[in-house]
Amino acid sequence: MAIYCVTYDLRAPGRDYNAVFSYLKQFAYCKGMESFWLIDSNLSASRIRDDLKALVDTNDKIFVGRLNGKWASFNYGCGDWLNDSKRRW
């Protein structure tokens, strides 16, 4: 398993992006900011990106990056989740 950060800009106002949220919720996850998720997955970053790409519009933006265990935060609600997840680094 690996911890990935997934962030996006979904640019179509009023569009139903529930498929994006449902996809991300299939993983163990923490969502501490509006468009920034942490997910725990066996998939590669490019596979997660491609899966999400199929659910969004062509003008939307997606970024997926694997965390390496080194992080710092301030007033971030997912700190405890990350600490509990260190065994997955």
PDB file of N, CA and C in Angstrom:
ATOM      1  N   MET A   1       0.844  -1.183   0.000  1.00  0.00           N
ATOM      2  CA  MET A   1       0.000   0.000   0.000  1.00  0.00           C
ATOM      3  C   MET A   1       0.887   1.244   0.000  1.00  0.00           C
ATOM      4  N   ALA A   2       0.355   2.319  -0.525  1.00  0.00           N
ATOM      5  CA  ALA A   2       1.056   3.592  -0.566  1.00  0.00           C
ATOM      6  C   ALA A   2       0.056   4.703  -0.294  1.00  0.00           C
ATOM      7  N   ILE A   3       0.554   5.796   0.241  1.00  0.00           N
ATOM      8  CA  ILE A   3      -0.284   6.968   0.475  1.00  0.00           C
ATOM      9  C   ILE A   3      -0.050   7.942  -0.680  1.00  0.00           C
ATOM     10  N   TYR A   4      -1.144   8.343  -1.319  1.00  0.00           N
ATOM     11  CA  TYR A   4      -1.091   9.302  -2.416  1.00  0.00           C
ATOM     12  C   TYR A   4      -1.876  10.550  -2.044  1.00  0.00           C
ATOM     13  N   CYS A   5      -1.367  11.690  -2.483  1.00  0.00           N
ATOM     14  CA  CYS A   5      -2.174  12.906  -2.409  1.00  0.00           C
ATOM     15  C   CYS A   5      -2.823  13.068  -3.776  1.00  0.00           C
ATOM     16  N   VAL A   6      -4.085  13.415  -3.758  1.00  0.00           N
ATOM     17  CA  VAL A   6      -4.852  13.634  -4.982  1.00  0.00           C
ATOM     18  C   VAL A   6      -5.491  15.010  -4.850  1.00  0.00           C
ATOM     19  N   THR A   7      -5.218  15.860  -5.809  1.00  0.00           N
ATOM     20  CA  THR A   7      -5.828  17.178  -5.808  1.00  0.00           C
ATOM     21  C   THR A   7      -6.324  17.491  -7.219  1.00  0.00           C
ATOM     22  N   TYR A   8      -7.271  18.387  -7.293  1.00  0.00           N
ATOM     23  CA  TYR A   8      -7.904  18.655  -8.583  1.00  0.00           C
ATOM     24  C   TYR A   8      -8.521  20.042  -8.598  1.00  0.00           C
ATOM     25  N   ASP A   9      -8.715  20.542  -9.799  1.00  0.00           N
ATOM     26  CA  ASP A   9      -9.554  21.706 -10.074  1.00  0.00           C
ATOM     27  C   ASP A   9     -10.640  21.226 -11.023  1.00  0.00           C
ATOM     28  N   LEU A  10     -11.846  21.179 -10.529  1.00  0.00           N
ATOM     29  CA  LEU A  10     -12.991  20.788 -11.351  1.00  0.00           C
ATOM     30  C   LEU A  10     -13.667  22.074 -11.800  1.00  0.00           C
ATOM     31  N   ARG A  11     -13.560  22.367 -13.078  1.00  0.00           N
ATOM     32  CA  ARG A  11     -13.823  23.714 -13.567  1.00  0.00           C
ATOM     33  C   ARG A  11     -15.232  23.971 -14.078  1.00  0.00           C
ATOM     34  N   ALA A  12     -16.043  22.957 -14.245  1.00  0.00           N
ATOM     35  CA  ALA A  12     -17.389  23.164 -14.778  1.00  0.00           C
ATOM     36  C   ALA A  12     -18.362  23.427 -13.630  1.00  0.00           C
ATOM     37  N   PRO A  13     -18.802  24.678 -13.451  1.00  0.00           N
ATOM     38  CA  PRO A  13     -19.736  24.968 -12.359  1.00  0.00           C
ATOM     39  C   PRO A  13     -21.053  24.238 -12.552  1.00  0.00           C
ATOM     40  N   GLY A  14     -21.570  23.721 -11.473  1.00  0.00           N
ATOM     41  CA  GLY A  14     -22.850  23.040 -11.516  1.00  0.00           C
ATOM     42  C   GLY A  14     -22.795  21.609 -12.030  1.00  0.00           C
ATOM     43  N   ARG A  15     -21.634  21.150 -12.436  1.00  0.00           N
ATOM     44  CA  ARG A  15     -21.507  19.773 -12.940  1.00  0.00           C
ATOM     45  C   ARG A  15     -21.531  18.803 -11.771  1.00  0.00           C
ATOM     46  N   ASP A  16     -22.062  17.645 -11.994  1.00  0.00           N
ATOM     47  CA  ASP A  16     -22.144  16.609 -10.973  1.00  0.00           C
ATOM     48  C   ASP A  16     -20.854  15.788 -10.989  1.00  0.00           C
ATOM     49  N   TYR A  17     -20.019  15.976  -9.974  1.00  0.00           N
ATOM     50  CA  TYR A  17     -18.755  15.258  -9.872  1.00  0.00           C
ATOM     51  C   TYR A  17     -18.833  14.128  -8.845  1.00  0.00           C
ATOM     52  N   ASN A  18     -20.019  13.631  -8.557  1.00  0.00           N
ATOM     53  CA  ASN A  18     -20.159  12.565  -7.567  1.00  0.00           C
ATOM     54  C   ASN A  18     -19.378  11.316  -7.943  1.00  0.00           C
ATOM     55  N   ALA A  19     -19.185  11.045  -9.214  1.00  0.00           N
ATOM     56  CA  ALA A  19     -18.408   9.874  -9.626  1.00  0.00           C
ATOM     57  C   ALA A  19     -16.951  10.000  -9.180  1.00  0.00           C
ATOM     58  N   VAL A  20     -16.413  11.222  -9.214  1.00  0.00           N
ATOM     59  CA  VAL A  20     -15.046  11.467  -8.737  1.00  0.00           C
ATOM     60  C   VAL A  20     -14.970  11.175  -7.242  1.00  0.00           C
ATOM     61  N   PHE A  21     -15.911  11.709  -6.497  1.00  0.00           N
ATOM     62  CA  PHE A  21     -15.902  11.527  -5.048  1.00  0.00           C
ATOM     63  C   PHE A  21     -16.123  10.060  -4.679  1.00  0.00           C
ATOM     64  N   SER A  22     -17.004   9.378  -5.372  1.00  0.00           N
ATOM     65  CA  SER A  22     -17.244   7.951  -5.122  1.00  0.00           C
ATOM     66  C   SER A  22     -15.987   7.134  -5.402  1.00  0.00           C
ATOM     67  N   TYR A  23     -15.292   7.474  -6.482  1.00  0.00           N
ATOM     68  CA  TYR A  23     -14.048   6.772  -6.808  1.00  0.00           C
ATOM     69  C   TYR A  23     -13.042   6.922  -5.665  1.00  0.00           C
ATOM     70  N   LEU A  24     -12.835   8.137  -5.195  1.00  0.00           N
ATOM     71  CA  LEU A  24     -11.847   8.371  -4.140  1.00  0.00           C
ATOM     72  C   LEU A  24     -12.256   7.720  -2.820  1.00  0.00           C
ATOM     73  N   LYS A  25     -13.544   7.659  -2.570  1.00  0.00           N
ATOM     74  CA  LYS A  25     -14.030   7.084  -1.312  1.00  0.00           C
ATOM     75  C   LYS A  25     -13.922   5.557  -1.272  1.00  0.00           C
ATOM     76  N   GLN A  26     -13.584   4.922  -2.387  1.00  0.00           N
ATOM     77  CA  GLN A  26     -13.427   3.470  -2.368  1.00  0.00           C
ATOM     78  C   GLN A  26     -12.140   3.055  -1.653  1.00  0.00           C
ATOM     79  N   PHE A  27     -11.225   3.998  -1.475  1.00  0.00           N
ATOM     80  CA  PHE A  27      -9.966   3.746  -0.790  1.00  0.00           C
ATOM     81  C   PHE A  27     -10.094   4.173   0.675  1.00  0.00           C
ATOM     82  N   ALA A  28      -9.177   3.703   1.522  1.00  0.00           N
ATOM     83  CA  ALA A  28      -9.035   4.322   2.834  1.00  0.00           C
ATOM     84  C   ALA A  28      -8.566   5.742   2.533  1.00  0.00           C
ATOM     85  N   TYR A  29      -9.227   6.748   3.096  1.00  0.00           N
ATOM     86  CA  TYR A  29      -8.913   8.123   2.708  1.00  0.00           C
ATOM     87  C   TYR A  29      -9.080   9.087   3.879  1.00  0.00           C
ATOM     88  N   CYS A  30      -8.494  10.256   3.697  1.00  0.00           N
ATOM     89  CA  CYS A  30      -8.729  11.390   4.580  1.00  0.00           C
ATOM     90  C   CYS A  30      -8.815  12.620   3.687  1.00  0.00           C
ATOM     91  N   LYS A  31      -9.821  13.419   3.920  1.00  0.00           N
ATOM     92  CA  LYS A  31     -10.027  14.637   3.122  1.00  0.00           C
ATOM     93  C   LYS A  31     -10.011  15.815   4.087  1.00  0.00           C
ATOM     94  N   GLY A  32      -8.867  16.446   4.221  1.00  0.00           N
ATOM     95  CA  GLY A  32      -8.713  17.528   5.179  1.00  0.00           C
ATOM     96  C   GLY A  32      -8.842  18.916   4.582  1.00  0.00           C
ATOM     97  N   MET A  33      -8.885  19.016   3.256  1.00  0.00           N
ATOM     98  CA  MET A  33      -9.052  20.295   2.565  1.00  0.00           C
ATOM     99  C   MET A  33     -10.004  20.092   1.392  1.00  0.00           C
ATOM    100  N   GLU A  34     -10.517  21.172   0.884  1.00  0.00           N
ATOM    101  CA  GLU A  34     -11.600  21.086  -0.094  1.00  0.00           C
ATOM    102  C   GLU A  34     -11.303  20.210  -1.309  1.00  0.00           C
ATOM    103  N   SER A  35     -10.186  20.411  -1.959  1.00  0.00           N
ATOM    104  CA  SER A  35      -9.883  19.666  -3.186  1.00  0.00           C
ATOM    105  C   SER A  35      -8.616  18.838  -3.037  1.00  0.00           C
ATOM    106  N   PHE A  36      -8.333  18.381  -1.823  1.00  0.00           N
ATOM    107  CA  PHE A  36      -7.104  17.637  -1.556  1.00  0.00           C
ATOM    108  C   PHE A  36      -7.451  16.418  -0.715  1.00  0.00           C
ATOM    109  N   TRP A  37      -7.179  15.263  -1.265  1.00  0.00           N
ATOM    110  CA  TRP A  37      -7.464  13.994  -0.594  1.00  0.00           C
ATOM    111  C   TRP A  37      -6.152  13.254  -0.364  1.00  0.00           C
ATOM    112  N   LEU A  38      -6.108  12.462   0.679  1.00  0.00           N
ATOM    113  CA  LEU A  38      -5.064  11.472   0.876  1.00  0.00           C
ATOM    114  C   LEU A  38      -5.743  10.119   0.762  1.00  0.00           C
ATOM    115  N   ILE A  39      -5.182   9.252  -0.055  1.00  0.00           N
ATOM    116  CA  ILE A  39      -5.759   7.918  -0.205  1.00  0.00           C
ATOM    117  C   ILE A  39      -4.665   6.875  -0.021  1.00  0.00           C
ATOM    118  N   ASP A  40      -5.063   5.711   0.421  1.00  0.00           N
ATOM    119  CA  ASP A  40      -4.169   4.578   0.611  1.00  0.00           C
ATOM    120  C   ASP A  40      -4.528   3.546  -0.455  1.00  0.00           C
ATOM    121  N   SER A  41      -3.592   3.244  -1.345  1.00  0.00           N
ATOM    122  CA  SER A  41      -3.923   2.393  -2.488  1.00  0.00           C
ATOM    123  C   SER A  41      -2.738   1.560  -2.940  1.00  0.00           C
ATOM    124  N   ASN A  42      -3.027   0.428  -3.549  1.00  0.00           N
ATOM    125  CA  ASN A  42      -2.020  -0.402  -4.214  1.00  0.00           C
ATOM    126  C   ASN A  42      -1.797   0.027  -5.660  1.00  0.00           C
ATOM    127  N   LEU A  43      -2.662   0.889  -6.169  1.00  0.00           N
ATOM    128  CA  LEU A  43      -2.549   1.331  -7.561  1.00  0.00           C
ATOM    129  C   LEU A  43      -1.395   2.310  -7.722  1.00  0.00           C
ATOM    130  N   SER A  44      -0.912   2.483  -8.946  1.00  0.00           N
ATOM    131  CA  SER A  44       0.121   3.480  -9.232  1.00  0.00           C
ATOM    132  C   SER A  44      -0.510   4.866  -9.358  1.00  0.00           C
ATOM    133  N   ALA A  45       0.321   5.878  -9.257  1.00  0.00           N
ATOM    134  CA  ALA A  45      -0.164   7.259  -9.419  1.00  0.00           C
ATOM    135  C   ALA A  45      -0.775   7.447 -10.807  1.00  0.00           C
ATOM    136  N   SER A  46      -0.132   6.905 -11.825  1.00  0.00           N
ATOM    137  CA  SER A  46      -0.661   7.079 -13.185  1.00  0.00           C
ATOM    138  C   SER A  46      -1.990   6.340 -13.372  1.00  0.00           C
ATOM    139  N   ARG A  47      -2.171   5.203 -12.718  1.00  0.00           N
ATOM    140  CA  ARG A  47      -3.443   4.487 -12.811  1.00  0.00           C
ATOM    141  C   ARG A  47      -4.558   5.280 -12.131  1.00  0.00           C
ATOM    142  N   ILE A  48      -4.270   5.844 -10.952  1.00  0.00           N
ATOM    143  CA  ILE A  48      -5.265   6.668 -10.259  1.00  0.00           C
ATOM    144  C   ILE A  48      -5.624   7.874 -11.119  1.00  0.00           C
ATOM    145  N   ARG A  49      -4.607   8.526 -11.680  1.00  0.00           N
ATOM    146  CA  ARG A  49      -4.849   9.668 -12.571  1.00  0.00           C
ATOM    147  C   ARG A  49      -5.723   9.278 -13.749  1.00  0.00           C
ATOM    148  N   ASP A  50      -5.401   8.160 -14.383  1.00  0.00           N
ATOM    149  CA  ASP A  50      -6.165   7.729 -15.553  1.00  0.00           C
ATOM    150  C   ASP A  50      -7.603   7.386 -15.189  1.00  0.00           C
ATOM    151  N   ASP A  51      -7.790   6.731 -14.043  1.00  0.00           N
ATOM    152  CA  ASP A  51      -9.148   6.422 -13.598  1.00  0.00           C
ATOM    153  C   ASP A  51      -9.946   7.700 -13.376  1.00  0.00           C
ATOM    154  N   LEU A  52      -9.327   8.692 -12.734  1.00  0.00           N
ATOM    155  CA  LEU A  52     -10.009   9.972 -12.492  1.00  0.00           C
ATOM    156  C   LEU A  52     -10.237  10.738 -13.789  1.00  0.00           C
ATOM    157  N   LYS A  53      -9.265  10.682 -14.677  1.00  0.00           N
ATOM    158  CA  LYS A  53      -9.365  11.384 -15.966  1.00  0.00           C
ATOM    159  C   LYS A  53     -10.614  10.955 -16.732  1.00  0.00           C
ATOM    160  N   ALA A  54     -10.989   9.698 -16.577  1.00  0.00           N
ATOM    161  CA  ALA A  54     -12.182   9.184 -17.265  1.00  0.00           C
ATOM    162  C   ALA A  54     -13.473   9.738 -16.664  1.00  0.00           C
ATOM    163  N   LEU A  55     -13.384  10.364 -15.491  1.00  0.00           N
ATOM    164  CA  LEU A  55     -14.577  10.853 -14.787  1.00  0.00           C
ATOM    165  C   LEU A  55     -14.761  12.366 -14.841  1.00  0.00           C
ATOM    166  N   VAL A  56     -13.802  13.075 -15.435  1.00  0.00           N
ATOM    167  CA  VAL A  56     -13.847  14.536 -15.430  1.00  0.00           C
ATOM    168  C   VAL A  56     -13.883  15.086 -16.852  1.00  0.00           C
ATOM    169  N   ASP A  57     -14.050  16.388 -16.959  1.00  0.00           N
ATOM    170  CA  ASP A  57     -14.046  17.059 -18.254  1.00  0.00           C
ATOM    171  C   ASP A  57     -12.617  17.308 -18.718  1.00  0.00           C
ATOM    172  N   THR A  58     -12.446  17.573 -19.999  1.00  0.00           N
ATOM    173  CA  THR A  58     -11.109  17.771 -20.567  1.00  0.00           C
ATOM    174  C   THR A  58     -10.426  19.043 -20.061  1.00  0.00           C
ATOM    175  N   ASN A  59     -11.175  19.997 -19.528  1.00  0.00           N
ATOM    176  CA  ASN A  59     -10.552  21.214 -19.014  1.00  0.00           C
ATOM    177  C   ASN A  59     -10.300  21.152 -17.500  1.00  0.00           C
ATOM    178  N   ASP A  60     -10.641  20.046 -16.852  1.00  0.00           N
ATOM    179  CA  ASP A  60     -10.363  19.878 -15.433  1.00  0.00           C
ATOM    180  C   ASP A  60      -8.882  19.545 -15.239  1.00  0.00           C
ATOM    181  N   LYS A  61      -8.403  19.712 -14.007  1.00  0.00           N
ATOM    182  CA  LYS A  61      -6.999  19.446 -13.689  1.00  0.00           C
ATOM    183  C   LYS A  61      -6.928  18.417 -12.568  1.00  0.00           C
ATOM    184  N   ILE A  62      -5.947  17.510 -12.680  1.00  0.00           N
ATOM    185  CA  ILE A  62      -5.751  16.460 -11.682  1.00  0.00           C
ATOM    186  C   ILE A  62      -4.261  16.345 -11.394  1.00  0.00           C
ATOM    187  N   PHE A  63      -3.925  16.160 -10.123  1.00  0.00           N
ATOM    188  CA  PHE A  63      -2.548  15.852  -9.729  1.00  0.00           C
ATOM    189  C   PHE A  63      -2.594  14.705  -8.726  1.00  0.00           C
ATOM    190  N   VAL A  64      -1.750  13.697  -8.950  1.00  0.00           N
ATOM    191  CA  VAL A  64      -1.627  12.560  -8.037  1.00  0.00           C
ATOM    192  C   VAL A  64      -0.144  12.379  -7.741  1.00  0.00           C
ATOM    193  N   GLY A  65       0.221  12.348  -6.465  1.00  0.00           N
ATOM    194  CA  GLY A  65       1.613  12.152  -6.078  1.00  0.00           C
ATOM    195  C   GLY A  65       1.713  11.225  -4.881  1.00  0.00           C
ATOM    196  N   ARG A  66       2.726  10.398  -4.876  1.00  0.00           N
ATOM    197  CA  ARG A  66       2.945   9.470  -3.764  1.00  0.00           C
ATOM    198  C   ARG A  66       3.745  10.169  -2.676  1.00  0.00           C
ATOM    199  N   LEU A  67       3.279  10.060  -1.442  1.00  0.00           N
ATOM    200  CA  LEU A  67       4.017  10.611  -0.307  1.00  0.00           C
ATOM    201  C   LEU A  67       5.131   9.653   0.086  1.00  0.00           C
ATOM    202  N   ASN A  68       6.208  10.207   0.588  1.00  0.00           N
ATOM    203  CA  ASN A  68       7.349   9.369   0.942  1.00  0.00           C
ATOM    204  C   ASN A  68       7.541   9.229   2.449  1.00  0.00           C
ATOM    205  N   GLY A  69       6.612   9.690   3.231  1.00  0.00           N
ATOM    206  CA  GLY A  69       6.718   9.570   4.681  1.00  0.00           C
ATOM    207  C   GLY A  69       7.235  10.818   5.360  1.00  0.00           C
ATOM    208  N   LYS A  70       7.670  11.775   4.579  1.00  0.00           N
ATOM    209  CA  LYS A  70       8.142  13.044   5.135  1.00  0.00           C
ATOM    210  C   LYS A  70       7.110  14.108   4.819  1.00  0.00           C
ATOM    211  N   TRP A  71       6.533  14.663   5.853  1.00  0.00           N
ATOM    212  CA  TRP A  71       5.501  15.672   5.668  1.00  0.00           C
ATOM    213  C   TRP A  71       5.435  16.534   6.917  1.00  0.00           C
ATOM    214  N   ALA A  72       4.851  17.681   6.776  1.00  0.00           N
ATOM    215  CA  ALA A  72       4.601  18.595   7.895  1.00  0.00           C
ATOM    216  C   ALA A  72       3.288  19.304   7.605  1.00  0.00           C
ATOM    217  N   SER A  73       2.580  19.676   8.661  1.00  0.00           N
ATOM    218  CA  SER A  73       1.302  20.348   8.460  1.00  0.00           C
ATOM    219  C   SER A  73       1.031  21.320   9.594  1.00  0.00           C
ATOM    220  N   PHE A  74       0.039  22.156   9.389  1.00  0.00           N
ATOM    221  CA  PHE A  74      -0.437  23.094  10.398  1.00  0.00           C
ATOM    222  C   PHE A  74      -1.956  23.147  10.293  1.00  0.00           C
ATOM    223  N   ASN A  75      -2.645  22.861  11.380  1.00  0.00           N
ATOM    224  CA  ASN A  75      -4.111  22.865  11.403  1.00  0.00           C
ATOM    225  C   ASN A  75      -4.714  21.992  10.309  1.00  0.00           C
ATOM    226  N   TYR A  76      -4.071  20.893  10.046  1.00  0.00           N
ATOM    227  CA  TYR A  76      -4.525  19.980   8.990  1.00  0.00           C
ATOM    228  C   TYR A  76      -5.158  18.765   9.638  1.00  0.00           C
ATOM    229  N   GLY A  77      -6.399  18.505   9.308  1.00  0.00           N
ATOM    230  CA  GLY A  77      -7.171  17.471   9.967  1.00  0.00           C
ATOM    231  C   GLY A  77      -6.747  16.042   9.691  1.00  0.00           C
ATOM    232  N   CYS A  78      -5.828  15.825   8.773  1.00  0.00           N
ATOM    233  CA  CYS A  78      -5.437  14.455   8.434  1.00  0.00           C
ATOM    234  C   CYS A  78      -4.117  14.037   9.068  1.00  0.00           C
ATOM    235  N   GLY A  79      -3.558  14.851   9.931  1.00  0.00           N
ATOM    236  CA  GLY A  79      -2.286  14.510  10.561  1.00  0.00           C
ATOM    237  C   GLY A  79      -2.340  13.205  11.330  1.00  0.00           C
ATOM    238  N   ASP A  80      -3.384  13.007  12.118  1.00  0.00           N
ATOM    239  CA  ASP A  80      -3.512  11.759  12.874  1.00  0.00           C
ATOM    240  C   ASP A  80      -3.668  10.568  11.927  1.00  0.00           C
ATOM    241  N   TRP A  81      -4.427  10.736  10.865  1.00  0.00           N
ATOM    242  CA  TRP A  81      -4.610   9.661   9.887  1.00  0.00           C
ATOM    243  C   TRP A  81      -3.267   9.280   9.281  1.00  0.00           C
ATOM    244  N   LEU A  82      -2.451  10.277   8.921  1.00  0.00           N
ATOM    245  CA  LEU A  82      -1.135   9.985   8.361  1.00  0.00           C
ATOM    246  C   LEU A  82      -0.249   9.285   9.378  1.00  0.00           C
ATOM    247  N   ASN A  83      -0.268   9.742  10.622  1.00  0.00           N
ATOM    248  CA  ASN A  83       0.539   9.091  11.655  1.00  0.00           C
ATOM    249  C   ASN A  83       0.125   7.636  11.827  1.00  0.00           C
ATOM    250  N   ASP A  84      -1.165   7.367  11.776  1.00  0.00           N
ATOM    251  CA  ASP A  84      -1.653   6.000  11.889  1.00  0.00           C
ATOM    252  C   ASP A  84      -1.300   5.180  10.666  1.00  0.00           C
ATOM    253  N   SER A  85      -0.976   5.851   9.554  1.00  0.00           N
ATOM    254  CA  SER A  85      -0.720   5.165   8.296  1.00  0.00           C
ATOM    255  C   SER A  85       0.773   4.957   8.027  1.00  0.00           C
ATOM    256  N   LYS A  86       1.650   5.349   8.945  1.00  0.00           N
ATOM    257  CA  LYS A  86       3.088   5.284   8.668  1.00  0.00           C
ATOM    258  C   LYS A  86       3.557   3.883   8.315  1.00  0.00           C
ATOM    259  N   ARG A  87       2.876   2.873   8.778  1.00  0.00           N
ATOM    260  CA  ARG A  87       3.303   1.511   8.452  1.00  0.00           C
ATOM    261  C   ARG A  87       3.210   1.246   6.954  1.00  0.00           C
ATOM    262  N   ARG A  88       2.532   2.086   6.211  1.00  0.00           N
ATOM    263  CA  ARG A  88       2.323   1.876   4.776  1.00  0.00           C
ATOM    264  C   ARG A  88       3.358   2.600   3.910  1.00  0.00           C
ATOM    265  N   TRP A  89       4.224   3.345   4.504  1.00  0.00           N
ATOM    266  CA  TRP A  89       5.183   4.115   3.695  1.00  0.00           C
ATOM    267  C   TRP A  89       6.102   3.137   3.013  1.00  0.00           C
TER     268      TRP A  89
END
